[in-house]
Amino acid sequence: MMNTDMFTKYTEQAEKLFMGPTRSYAKLAMDYTQKVMDAQIEAARTYTDLGMQQARAALDIKDPTALQQYAEKQQEAAKNLGERVKADGEKVVALNQDFANEARKLVESSAQSASETAKETVSAAQKATKGN
């Protein structure tokens, strides 16, 4: 019976100290990776679409007036692209900050849990020693 109790206690401590936090961190990392990949795919799709629109617009140039209109639209397209690149960069920075904050919270929680488990173990050992 004592061996079963010790094994159960050991299993609970291993879950609390190692397995639980490891799973939590792995989930956090996978969620972060998915969000970054989604942002990159969305950005690549947008940049590709913009590039294709500009290429099609260039193919439609038939005369000097169309060339002038194309040039004017290029300036607007470049401005829009610059704003989009800036927004995409800010999005990735925000994802990085969220990940860092969540990872910090996870580490703090794990450290607190480890401290509590250590106190419980010491207390149990002291009670066992007094009982003998």
N, C-alpha and C. Protein backbone atom coordinates (compact mmCIF):
# COMPACT_ATOMS: atom_id res chain seq x y z
N MET A 1 0.82 -1.19 0.00
CA MET A 1 0.00 0.00 0.00
C MET A 1 0.86 1.25 0.00
N MET A 2 1.93 1.23 0.80
CA MET A 2 2.81 2.38 0.88
C MET A 2 3.49 2.65 -0.47
N ASN A 3 3.89 1.56 -1.15
CA ASN A 3 4.53 1.73 -2.46
C ASN A 3 3.57 2.35 -3.46
N THR A 4 2.30 1.95 -3.40
CA THR A 4 1.30 2.52 -4.30
C THR A 4 1.11 4.01 -4.02
N ASP A 5 1.05 4.36 -2.73
CA ASP A 5 0.91 5.78 -2.35
C ASP A 5 2.11 6.59 -2.82
N MET A 6 3.31 6.02 -2.63
CA MET A 6 4.53 6.73 -3.05
C MET A 6 4.56 6.90 -4.57
N PHE A 7 4.17 5.84 -5.29
CA PHE A 7 4.15 5.91 -6.75
C PHE A 7 3.13 6.95 -7.21
N THR A 8 1.95 6.95 -6.58
CA THR A 8 0.91 7.93 -6.93
C THR A 8 1.40 9.34 -6.67
N LYS A 9 2.03 9.54 -5.51
CA LYS A 9 2.56 10.87 -5.16
C LYS A 9 3.64 11.29 -6.17
N TYR A 10 4.53 10.36 -6.50
CA TYR A 10 5.59 10.65 -7.46
C TYR A 10 4.98 11.03 -8.82
N THR A 11 3.97 10.29 -9.25
CA THR A 11 3.31 10.55 -10.53
C THR A 11 2.65 11.92 -10.52
N GLU A 12 1.99 12.24 -9.43
CA GLU A 12 1.35 13.56 -9.31
C GLU A 12 2.38 14.67 -9.37
N GLN A 13 3.50 14.49 -8.66
CA GLN A 13 4.55 15.50 -8.66
C GLN A 13 5.18 15.65 -10.05
N ALA A 14 5.42 14.53 -10.71
CA ALA A 14 6.00 14.58 -12.06
C ALA A 14 5.06 15.31 -13.01
N GLU A 15 3.78 15.06 -12.89
CA GLU A 15 2.79 15.76 -13.73
C GLU A 15 2.80 17.24 -13.44
N LYS A 16 2.80 17.58 -12.16
CA LYS A 16 2.73 18.98 -11.74
C LYS A 16 4.01 19.74 -12.11
N LEU A 17 5.15 19.10 -11.92
CA LEU A 17 6.43 19.80 -12.11
C LEU A 17 6.97 19.74 -13.53
N PHE A 18 6.72 18.63 -14.24
CA PHE A 18 7.37 18.46 -15.53
C PHE A 18 6.41 18.30 -16.70
N MET A 19 5.57 17.30 -16.62
CA MET A 19 4.73 16.97 -17.78
C MET A 19 3.71 18.06 -18.09
N GLY A 20 3.02 18.54 -17.08
CA GLY A 20 2.02 19.59 -17.30
C GLY A 20 2.63 20.85 -17.91
N PRO A 21 3.69 21.40 -17.28
CA PRO A 21 4.32 22.59 -17.86
C PRO A 21 4.90 22.35 -19.26
N THR A 22 5.44 21.14 -19.48
CA THR A 22 6.00 20.83 -20.80
C THR A 22 4.91 20.84 -21.86
N ARG A 23 3.77 20.23 -21.56
CA ARG A 23 2.64 20.24 -22.50
C ARG A 23 2.12 21.66 -22.72
N SER A 24 2.03 22.43 -21.64
CA SER A 24 1.55 23.81 -21.76
C SER A 24 2.47 24.64 -22.66
N TYR A 25 3.78 24.48 -22.45
CA TYR A 25 4.73 25.23 -23.27
C TYR A 25 4.66 24.77 -24.72
N ALA A 26 4.56 23.47 -24.95
CA ALA A 26 4.48 22.95 -26.32
C ALA A 26 3.24 23.49 -27.02
N LYS A 27 2.11 23.53 -26.32
CA LYS A 27 0.88 24.08 -26.90
C LYS A 27 1.05 25.56 -27.21
N LEU A 28 1.65 26.30 -26.28
CA LEU A 28 1.89 27.72 -26.49
C LEU A 28 2.78 27.94 -27.71
N ALA A 29 3.85 27.17 -27.82
CA ALA A 29 4.77 27.30 -28.95
C ALA A 29 4.10 26.93 -30.27
N MET A 30 3.29 25.90 -30.26
CA MET A 30 2.59 25.49 -31.48
C MET A 30 1.56 26.55 -31.90
N ASP A 31 0.83 27.09 -30.93
CA ASP A 31 -0.14 28.14 -31.24
C ASP A 31 0.56 29.37 -31.83
N TYR A 32 1.68 29.74 -31.22
CA TYR A 32 2.46 30.88 -31.70
C TYR A 32 2.95 30.63 -33.13
N THR A 33 3.51 29.46 -33.35
CA THR A 33 4.02 29.11 -34.68
C THR A 33 2.91 29.17 -35.72
N GLN A 34 1.75 28.65 -35.38
CA GLN A 34 0.61 28.67 -36.31
C GLN A 34 0.19 30.10 -36.63
N LYS A 35 0.15 30.96 -35.61
CA LYS A 35 -0.24 32.35 -35.83
C LYS A 35 0.76 33.07 -36.72
N VAL A 36 2.06 32.83 -36.48
CA VAL A 36 3.09 33.47 -37.31
C VAL A 36 3.01 32.96 -38.74
N MET A 37 2.83 31.65 -38.90
CA MET A 37 2.71 31.08 -40.25
C MET A 37 1.49 31.64 -40.97
N ASP A 38 0.36 31.74 -40.26
CA ASP A 38 -0.85 32.30 -40.86
C ASP A 38 -0.61 33.75 -41.31
N ALA A 39 0.07 34.52 -40.46
CA ALA A 39 0.36 35.92 -40.81
C ALA A 39 1.27 35.98 -42.04
N GLN A 40 2.27 35.11 -42.10
CA GLN A 40 3.18 35.10 -43.24
C GLN A 40 2.47 34.67 -44.53
N ILE A 41 1.62 33.67 -44.42
CA ILE A 41 0.88 33.21 -45.60
C ILE A 41 -0.06 34.32 -46.10
N GLU A 42 -0.75 34.96 -45.16
CA GLU A 42 -1.65 36.05 -45.53
C GLU A 42 -0.87 37.19 -46.20
N ALA A 43 0.28 37.54 -45.63
CA ALA A 43 1.10 38.61 -46.21
C ALA A 43 1.60 38.22 -47.59
N ALA A 44 2.07 37.00 -47.74
CA ALA A 44 2.57 36.55 -49.04
C ALA A 44 1.45 36.58 -50.09
N ARG A 45 0.27 36.17 -49.69
CA ARG A 45 -0.88 36.18 -50.61
C ARG A 45 -1.20 37.63 -51.02
N THR A 46 -1.21 38.52 -50.06
CA THR A 46 -1.50 39.93 -50.34
C THR A 46 -0.45 40.53 -51.26
N TYR A 47 0.83 40.29 -50.95
CA TYR A 47 1.91 40.85 -51.77
C TYR A 47 1.87 40.27 -53.19
N THR A 48 1.56 38.99 -53.29
CA THR A 48 1.45 38.35 -54.62
C THR A 48 0.30 38.97 -55.41
N ASP A 49 -0.84 39.15 -54.74
CA ASP A 49 -2.00 39.76 -55.41
C ASP A 49 -1.68 41.18 -55.88
N LEU A 50 -1.02 41.94 -55.03
CA LEU A 50 -0.65 43.31 -55.42
C LEU A 50 0.30 43.30 -56.62
N GLY A 51 1.27 42.40 -56.58
CA GLY A 51 2.21 42.29 -57.69
C GLY A 51 1.53 41.91 -58.99
N MET A 52 0.60 40.97 -58.90
CA MET A 52 -0.13 40.56 -60.10
C MET A 52 -1.02 41.70 -60.63
N GLN A 53 -1.64 42.44 -59.73
CA GLN A 53 -2.45 43.59 -60.17
C GLN A 53 -1.58 44.61 -60.90
N GLN A 54 -0.41 44.86 -60.38
CA GLN A 54 0.49 45.82 -61.02
C GLN A 54 0.97 45.30 -62.38
N ALA A 55 1.26 44.03 -62.46
CA ALA A 55 1.70 43.44 -63.74
C ALA A 55 0.58 43.53 -64.78
N ARG A 56 -0.64 43.23 -64.36
CA ARG A 56 -1.78 43.31 -65.29
C ARG A 56 -2.00 44.76 -65.74
N ALA A 57 -1.87 45.67 -64.79
CA ALA A 57 -2.04 47.09 -65.13
C ALA A 57 -0.97 47.52 -66.14
N ALA A 58 0.24 47.03 -65.99
CA ALA A 58 1.31 47.38 -66.93
C ALA A 58 1.02 46.83 -68.32
N LEU A 59 0.40 45.66 -68.39
CA LEU A 59 0.05 45.08 -69.69
C LEU A 59 -1.03 45.88 -70.41
N ASP A 60 -1.81 46.64 -69.66
CA ASP A 60 -2.90 47.43 -70.25
C ASP A 60 -2.43 48.78 -70.79
N ILE A 61 -1.15 49.10 -70.62
CA ILE A 61 -0.65 50.39 -71.12
C ILE A 61 -0.60 50.34 -72.65
N LYS A 62 -1.36 51.24 -73.25
CA LYS A 62 -1.44 51.27 -74.72
C LYS A 62 -1.01 52.61 -75.31
N ASP A 63 -0.99 53.65 -74.45
CA ASP A 63 -0.67 54.99 -74.96
C ASP A 63 -0.06 55.82 -73.82
N PRO A 64 0.44 57.03 -74.16
CA PRO A 64 1.08 57.87 -73.13
C PRO A 64 0.15 58.22 -71.97
N THR A 65 -1.12 58.40 -72.24
CA THR A 65 -2.06 58.72 -71.16
C THR A 65 -2.18 57.56 -70.19
N ALA A 66 -2.28 56.35 -70.73
CA ALA A 66 -2.35 55.16 -69.89
C ALA A 66 -1.07 54.99 -69.09
N LEU A 67 0.07 55.33 -69.70
CA LEU A 67 1.35 55.25 -69.00
C LEU A 67 1.38 56.23 -67.84
N GLN A 68 0.87 57.44 -68.06
CA GLN A 68 0.85 58.44 -67.00
C GLN A 68 -0.07 57.98 -65.86
N GLN A 69 -1.22 57.44 -66.21
CA GLN A 69 -2.15 56.95 -65.18
C GLN A 69 -1.52 55.79 -64.40
N TYR A 70 -0.83 54.93 -65.11
CA TYR A 70 -0.15 53.80 -64.47
C TYR A 70 0.90 54.31 -63.48
N ALA A 71 1.69 55.30 -63.90
CA ALA A 71 2.73 55.85 -63.04
C ALA A 71 2.13 56.48 -61.78
N GLU A 72 1.02 57.19 -61.96
CA GLU A 72 0.35 57.79 -60.80
C GLU A 72 -0.17 56.72 -59.85
N LYS A 73 -0.72 55.67 -60.40
CA LYS A 73 -1.23 54.58 -59.57
C LYS A 73 -0.09 53.82 -58.88
N GLN A 74 1.09 53.79 -59.52
CA GLN A 74 2.25 53.12 -58.93
C GLN A 74 2.64 53.79 -57.61
N GLN A 75 2.57 55.12 -57.60
CA GLN A 75 2.92 55.83 -56.37
C GLN A 75 1.95 55.46 -55.24
N GLU A 76 0.68 55.39 -55.56
CA GLU A 76 -0.33 55.01 -54.57
C GLU A 76 -0.13 53.55 -54.14
N ALA A 77 0.17 52.70 -55.10
CA ALA A 77 0.40 51.28 -54.80
C ALA A 77 1.62 51.12 -53.88
N ALA A 78 2.67 51.88 -54.16
CA ALA A 78 3.88 51.81 -53.33
C ALA A 78 3.57 52.28 -51.91
N LYS A 79 2.78 53.32 -51.79
CA LYS A 79 2.39 53.83 -50.47
C LYS A 79 1.58 52.77 -49.72
N ASN A 80 0.60 52.19 -50.40
CA ASN A 80 -0.23 51.16 -49.78
C ASN A 80 0.60 49.95 -49.36
N LEU A 81 1.54 49.57 -50.22
CA LEU A 81 2.40 48.43 -49.91
C LEU A 81 3.25 48.73 -48.68
N GLY A 82 3.81 49.93 -48.63
CA GLY A 82 4.61 50.33 -47.47
C GLY A 82 3.81 50.27 -46.18
N GLU A 83 2.57 50.74 -46.24
CA GLU A 83 1.70 50.70 -45.06
C GLU A 83 1.38 49.25 -44.67
N ARG A 84 1.18 48.42 -45.67
CA ARG A 84 0.87 47.01 -45.41
C ARG A 84 2.07 46.30 -44.78
N VAL A 85 3.26 46.55 -45.31
CA VAL A 85 4.47 45.94 -44.75
C VAL A 85 4.65 46.38 -43.30
N LYS A 86 4.42 47.66 -43.03
CA LYS A 86 4.54 48.17 -41.66
C LYS A 86 3.53 47.48 -40.74
N ALA A 87 2.28 47.37 -41.18
CA ALA A 87 1.24 46.72 -40.39
C ALA A 87 1.57 45.24 -40.14
N ASP A 88 2.08 44.57 -41.17
CA ASP A 88 2.46 43.16 -41.01
C ASP A 88 3.60 43.02 -40.01
N GLY A 89 4.56 43.93 -40.07
CA GLY A 89 5.67 43.90 -39.11
C GLY A 89 5.18 44.11 -37.69
N GLU A 90 4.26 45.06 -37.52
CA GLU A 90 3.70 45.32 -36.20
C GLU A 90 2.91 44.11 -35.68
N LYS A 91 2.25 43.42 -36.58
CA LYS A 91 1.49 42.23 -36.20
C LYS A 91 2.43 41.15 -35.67
N VAL A 92 3.54 40.94 -36.34
CA VAL A 92 4.50 39.93 -35.90
C VAL A 92 5.13 40.33 -34.56
N VAL A 93 5.44 41.62 -34.41
CA VAL A 93 5.99 42.10 -33.14
C VAL A 93 5.00 41.84 -32.01
N ALA A 94 3.72 42.11 -32.25
CA ALA A 94 2.68 41.86 -31.24
C ALA A 94 2.59 40.37 -30.91
N LEU A 95 2.67 39.51 -31.93
CA LEU A 95 2.65 38.07 -31.69
C LEU A 95 3.85 37.65 -30.84
N ASN A 96 5.02 38.21 -31.13
CA ASN A 96 6.23 37.90 -30.36
C ASN A 96 6.06 38.33 -28.90
N GLN A 97 5.49 39.52 -28.69
CA GLN A 97 5.30 40.01 -27.32
C GLN A 97 4.30 39.14 -26.57
N ASP A 98 3.22 38.76 -27.24
CA ASP A 98 2.23 37.88 -26.61
C ASP A 98 2.86 36.56 -26.20
N PHE A 99 3.66 35.99 -27.12
CA PHE A 99 4.31 34.72 -26.83
C PHE A 99 5.25 34.86 -25.63
N ALA A 100 6.06 35.92 -25.62
CA ALA A 100 7.00 36.14 -24.52
C ALA A 100 6.26 36.30 -23.19
N ASN A 101 5.16 37.06 -23.20
CA ASN A 101 4.39 37.27 -21.98
C ASN A 101 3.77 35.97 -21.48
N GLU A 102 3.20 35.20 -22.39
CA GLU A 102 2.58 33.93 -22.00
C GLU A 102 3.62 32.93 -21.51
N ALA A 103 4.79 32.91 -22.16
CA ALA A 103 5.86 32.01 -21.73
C ALA A 103 6.35 32.41 -20.33
N ARG A 104 6.47 33.71 -20.09
CA ARG A 104 6.89 34.20 -18.77
C ARG A 104 5.88 33.77 -17.70
N LYS A 105 4.59 33.94 -17.99
CA LYS A 105 3.55 33.53 -17.04
C LYS A 105 3.63 32.03 -16.76
N LEU A 106 3.88 31.26 -17.80
CA LEU A 106 3.99 29.80 -17.64
C LEU A 106 5.18 29.44 -16.75
N VAL A 107 6.32 30.10 -16.95
CA VAL A 107 7.50 29.84 -16.13
C VAL A 107 7.23 30.23 -14.68
N GLU A 108 6.60 31.39 -14.48
CA GLU A 108 6.30 31.83 -13.12
C GLU A 108 5.36 30.85 -12.43
N SER A 109 4.36 30.40 -13.15
CA SER A 109 3.40 29.44 -12.59
C SER A 109 4.09 28.12 -12.25
N SER A 110 4.97 27.67 -13.14
CA SER A 110 5.70 26.42 -12.90
C SER A 110 6.62 26.55 -11.69
N ALA A 111 7.28 27.71 -11.57
CA ALA A 111 8.18 27.93 -10.44
C ALA A 111 7.40 27.95 -9.13
N GLN A 112 6.24 28.59 -9.14
CA GLN A 112 5.40 28.63 -7.94
C GLN A 112 4.93 27.22 -7.58
N SER A 113 4.52 26.47 -8.57
CA SER A 113 4.06 25.10 -8.36
C SER A 113 5.19 24.25 -7.80
N ALA A 114 6.40 24.41 -8.33
CA ALA A 114 7.55 23.65 -7.85
C ALA A 114 7.85 23.99 -6.39
N SER A 115 7.75 25.27 -6.06
CA SER A 115 8.00 25.71 -4.69
C SER A 115 6.98 25.10 -3.73
N GLU A 116 5.71 25.12 -4.15
CA GLU A 116 4.66 24.55 -3.31
C GLU A 116 4.85 23.04 -3.15
N THR A 117 5.22 22.37 -4.22
CA THR A 117 5.45 20.93 -4.15
C THR A 117 6.63 20.61 -3.24
N ALA A 118 7.67 21.41 -3.32
CA ALA A 118 8.84 21.19 -2.45
C ALA A 118 8.45 21.36 -0.99
N LYS A 119 7.65 22.38 -0.69
CA LYS A 119 7.20 22.60 0.69
C LYS A 119 6.36 21.42 1.18
N GLU A 120 5.48 20.93 0.31
CA GLU A 120 4.65 19.79 0.68
C GLU A 120 5.50 18.55 0.95
N THR A 121 6.51 18.34 0.13
CA THR A 121 7.39 17.18 0.28
C THR A 121 8.17 17.27 1.59
N VAL A 122 8.69 18.46 1.89
CA VAL A 122 9.44 18.65 3.14
C VAL A 122 8.52 18.43 4.34
N SER A 123 7.32 18.99 4.25
CA SER A 123 6.36 18.84 5.34
C SER A 123 5.99 17.37 5.56
N ALA A 124 5.77 16.65 4.46
CA ALA A 124 5.42 15.23 4.56
C ALA A 124 6.59 14.44 5.14
N ALA A 125 7.80 14.78 4.76
CA ALA A 125 8.98 14.08 5.27
C ALA A 125 9.16 14.35 6.75
N GLN A 126 8.90 15.60 7.17
CA GLN A 126 9.02 15.93 8.59
C GLN A 126 7.97 15.18 9.41
N LYS A 127 6.76 15.08 8.88
CA LYS A 127 5.70 14.36 9.60
C LYS A 127 6.05 12.87 9.69
N ALA A 128 6.59 12.33 8.61
CA ALA A 128 6.96 10.92 8.61
C ALA A 128 8.08 10.65 9.61
N THR A 129 9.04 11.58 9.73
CA THR A 129 10.15 11.43 10.64
C THR A 129 9.67 11.52 12.09
N LYS A 130 8.77 12.43 12.37
CA LYS A 130 8.23 12.57 13.71
C LYS A 130 7.39 11.36 14.11
N GLY A 131 6.77 10.76 13.12
CA GLY A 131 5.92 9.60 13.39
C GLY A 131 6.70 8.36 13.76
N ASN A 132 7.97 8.29 13.34
CA ASN A 132 8.81 7.10 13.62
C ASN A 132 9.49 7.19 14.92
